[in-house]
Protein backbone atom coordinates (compact mmCIF):
# COMPACT_ATOMS: atom_id res chain seq x y z
CA UNK A 1 107.78 97.23 110.03
CA UNK A 2 109.21 94.47 111.83
CA UNK A 3 112.06 96.17 113.25
CA UNK A 4 109.38 98.81 114.12
CA UNK A 5 107.86 96.50 116.05
CA UNK A 6 110.64 95.77 118.26
CA UNK A 7 110.62 99.11 119.58
CA UNK A 8 106.68 100.38 119.61
CA UNK A 9 105.29 100.62 122.74
CA UNK A 10 103.33 97.85 123.93
CA UNK A 11 99.77 98.64 124.83
CA UNK A 12 96.59 99.33 122.83
CA UNK A 13 96.67 102.53 120.69
CA UNK A 14 93.67 102.29 118.84
CA UNK A 15 90.82 104.51 120.43
CA UNK A 16 88.49 103.09 121.08
CA UNK A 17 90.56 99.59 121.49
CA UNK A 18 90.20 97.05 118.72
CA UNK A 19 88.03 93.98 120.17
CA UNK A 20 87.66 90.35 118.72
CA UNK A 21 84.85 91.48 116.44
CA UNK A 22 86.78 94.00 114.68
CA UNK A 23 90.19 91.55 114.83
CA UNK A 24 87.63 89.08 112.94
CA UNK A 25 86.45 91.50 110.59
CA UNK A 26 89.92 92.72 109.81
CA UNK A 27 91.24 88.90 108.70
CA UNK A 28 87.63 88.35 106.79
CA UNK A 29 88.58 91.86 104.92
CA UNK A 30 91.72 91.42 103.75
CA UNK A 31 91.41 87.92 101.47
CA UNK A 32 88.26 89.48 99.98
CA UNK A 33 90.04 93.30 99.16
CA UNK A 34 93.04 90.91 97.72
CA UNK A 35 91.06 88.63 95.46
CA UNK A 36 89.20 91.64 94.12
CA UNK A 37 92.46 93.92 93.66
CA UNK A 38 93.95 90.93 91.83
CA UNK A 39 90.73 90.15 89.98
CA UNK A 40 91.21 93.77 88.43
CA UNK A 41 94.94 93.05 87.79
CA UNK A 42 94.21 89.84 85.90
CA UNK A 43 92.13 92.00 83.51
CA UNK A 44 95.12 94.94 83.36
CA UNK A 45 96.66 94.90 79.91
CA UNK A 46 99.70 95.85 81.39
CA UNK A 47 99.89 92.94 83.80
CA UNK A 48 101.62 90.11 82.48
CA UNK A 49 100.13 87.37 80.38
CA UNK A 50 101.08 84.93 82.40
CA UNK A 51 102.03 85.11 86.44
CA UNK A 52 104.27 82.71 88.56
CA UNK A 53 103.23 80.85 91.34
CA UNK A 54 104.15 83.06 94.40
CA UNK A 55 107.08 82.04 95.31
CA UNK A 56 110.47 83.58 97.00
CA UNK A 57 112.75 82.92 93.80
CA UNK A 58 110.72 85.29 91.98
CA UNK A 59 110.85 89.33 91.79
CA UNK A 60 108.33 90.65 94.24
CA UNK A 61 108.81 94.03 92.70
CA UNK A 62 107.65 93.23 89.58
CA UNK A 63 104.79 95.48 89.45
CA UNK A 64 103.39 93.10 86.04
CA UNK A 65 102.71 90.11 88.41
CA UNK A 66 101.37 91.81 91.81
CA UNK A 67 100.67 88.87 93.84
CA UNK A 68 103.90 88.24 94.29
CA UNK A 69 104.50 91.45 96.18
CA UNK A 70 101.17 90.58 98.34
CA UNK A 71 102.69 86.94 98.80
CA UNK A 72 105.92 88.98 100.50
CA UNK A 73 103.55 91.55 102.39
CA UNK A 74 101.52 88.54 103.99
CA UNK A 75 104.90 87.25 105.71
CA UNK A 76 106.32 90.16 106.54
CA UNK A 77 103.33 91.47 108.53
CA UNK A 78 102.80 87.84 110.02
CA UNK A 79 106.51 88.23 111.20
CA UNK A 80 105.63 91.53 112.73
CA UNK A 81 102.76 89.78 114.80
CA UNK A 82 105.08 87.20 115.84
CA UNK A 83 107.74 90.08 116.97
CA UNK A 84 104.63 91.40 119.10
CA UNK A 85 103.63 88.28 120.67
CA UNK A 86 107.08 87.51 121.39
CA UNK A 87 107.59 90.86 122.77
CA UNK A 88 104.43 90.40 124.94
CA UNK A 89 105.59 86.87 126.15
CA UNK A 90 109.09 88.39 127.15
CA UNK A 91 108.21 91.38 128.79
CA UNK A 92 105.46 90.30 130.60
CA UNK A 93 103.18 93.18 129.53
CA UNK A 94 99.54 92.34 129.51
CA UNK A 95 97.84 90.80 126.64
CA UNK A 96 95.50 93.05 124.30
CA UNK A 97 93.75 92.29 121.24
CA UNK A 98 95.03 94.81 119.10
CA UNK A 99 98.80 92.77 119.28
CA UNK A 100 97.06 90.20 117.31
CA UNK A 101 96.35 92.65 114.15
CA UNK A 102 99.21 92.41 111.75
CA UNK A 103 99.21 88.53 112.41
CA UNK A 104 95.55 88.49 111.88
CA UNK A 105 95.99 90.35 108.64
CA UNK A 106 99.25 88.59 107.42
CA UNK A 107 96.87 85.31 107.51
CA UNK A 108 94.11 87.05 105.95
CA UNK A 109 96.64 88.38 102.98
CA UNK A 110 98.47 84.71 102.63
CA UNK A 111 94.88 83.56 102.81
CA UNK A 112 93.51 85.92 99.79
CA UNK A 113 96.83 84.71 97.83
CA UNK A 114 96.08 81.11 98.34
CA UNK A 115 92.27 82.15 97.05
CA UNK A 116 93.44 83.98 94.13
CA UNK A 117 96.06 81.31 92.95
CA UNK A 118 92.86 78.85 93.04
CA UNK A 119 90.49 81.21 91.57
CA UNK A 120 92.76 82.59 88.39
CA UNK A 121 94.62 79.52 88.16
CA UNK A 122 94.46 80.07 84.21
CA UNK A 123 96.40 82.99 84.84
CA UNK A 124 99.38 81.13 86.24
CA UNK A 125 102.32 79.68 84.50
CA UNK A 126 101.13 76.01 85.00
CA UNK A 127 104.63 74.44 84.66
CA UNK A 128 105.44 75.74 88.10
């Protein structure tokens, strides 16, 4: 995704174009949806009994601890957003709101991870 952000043509792709309100809805939807998904995973019998707190040292493909994958995905999305914004700045292309979508999604997912850790703290290893 980040490499794709380097080569994707700059300019709005969505029809109709994404506005500020839609961007705010995207940002607000991501943490809410993530907390709901992780809430279901919290009671899933195939999920690990105790999850590790989100970390760069934990295996992100351990599907018994889904929060690790979402934590990584948040940073990938934020990196993609940063690349798009840097490309706009470097190339002198005109700014468009849709360029902020990956950044808004990444920040929303990161916020959702933080909320989930606080809400489901009994599910997490307390030693870390």
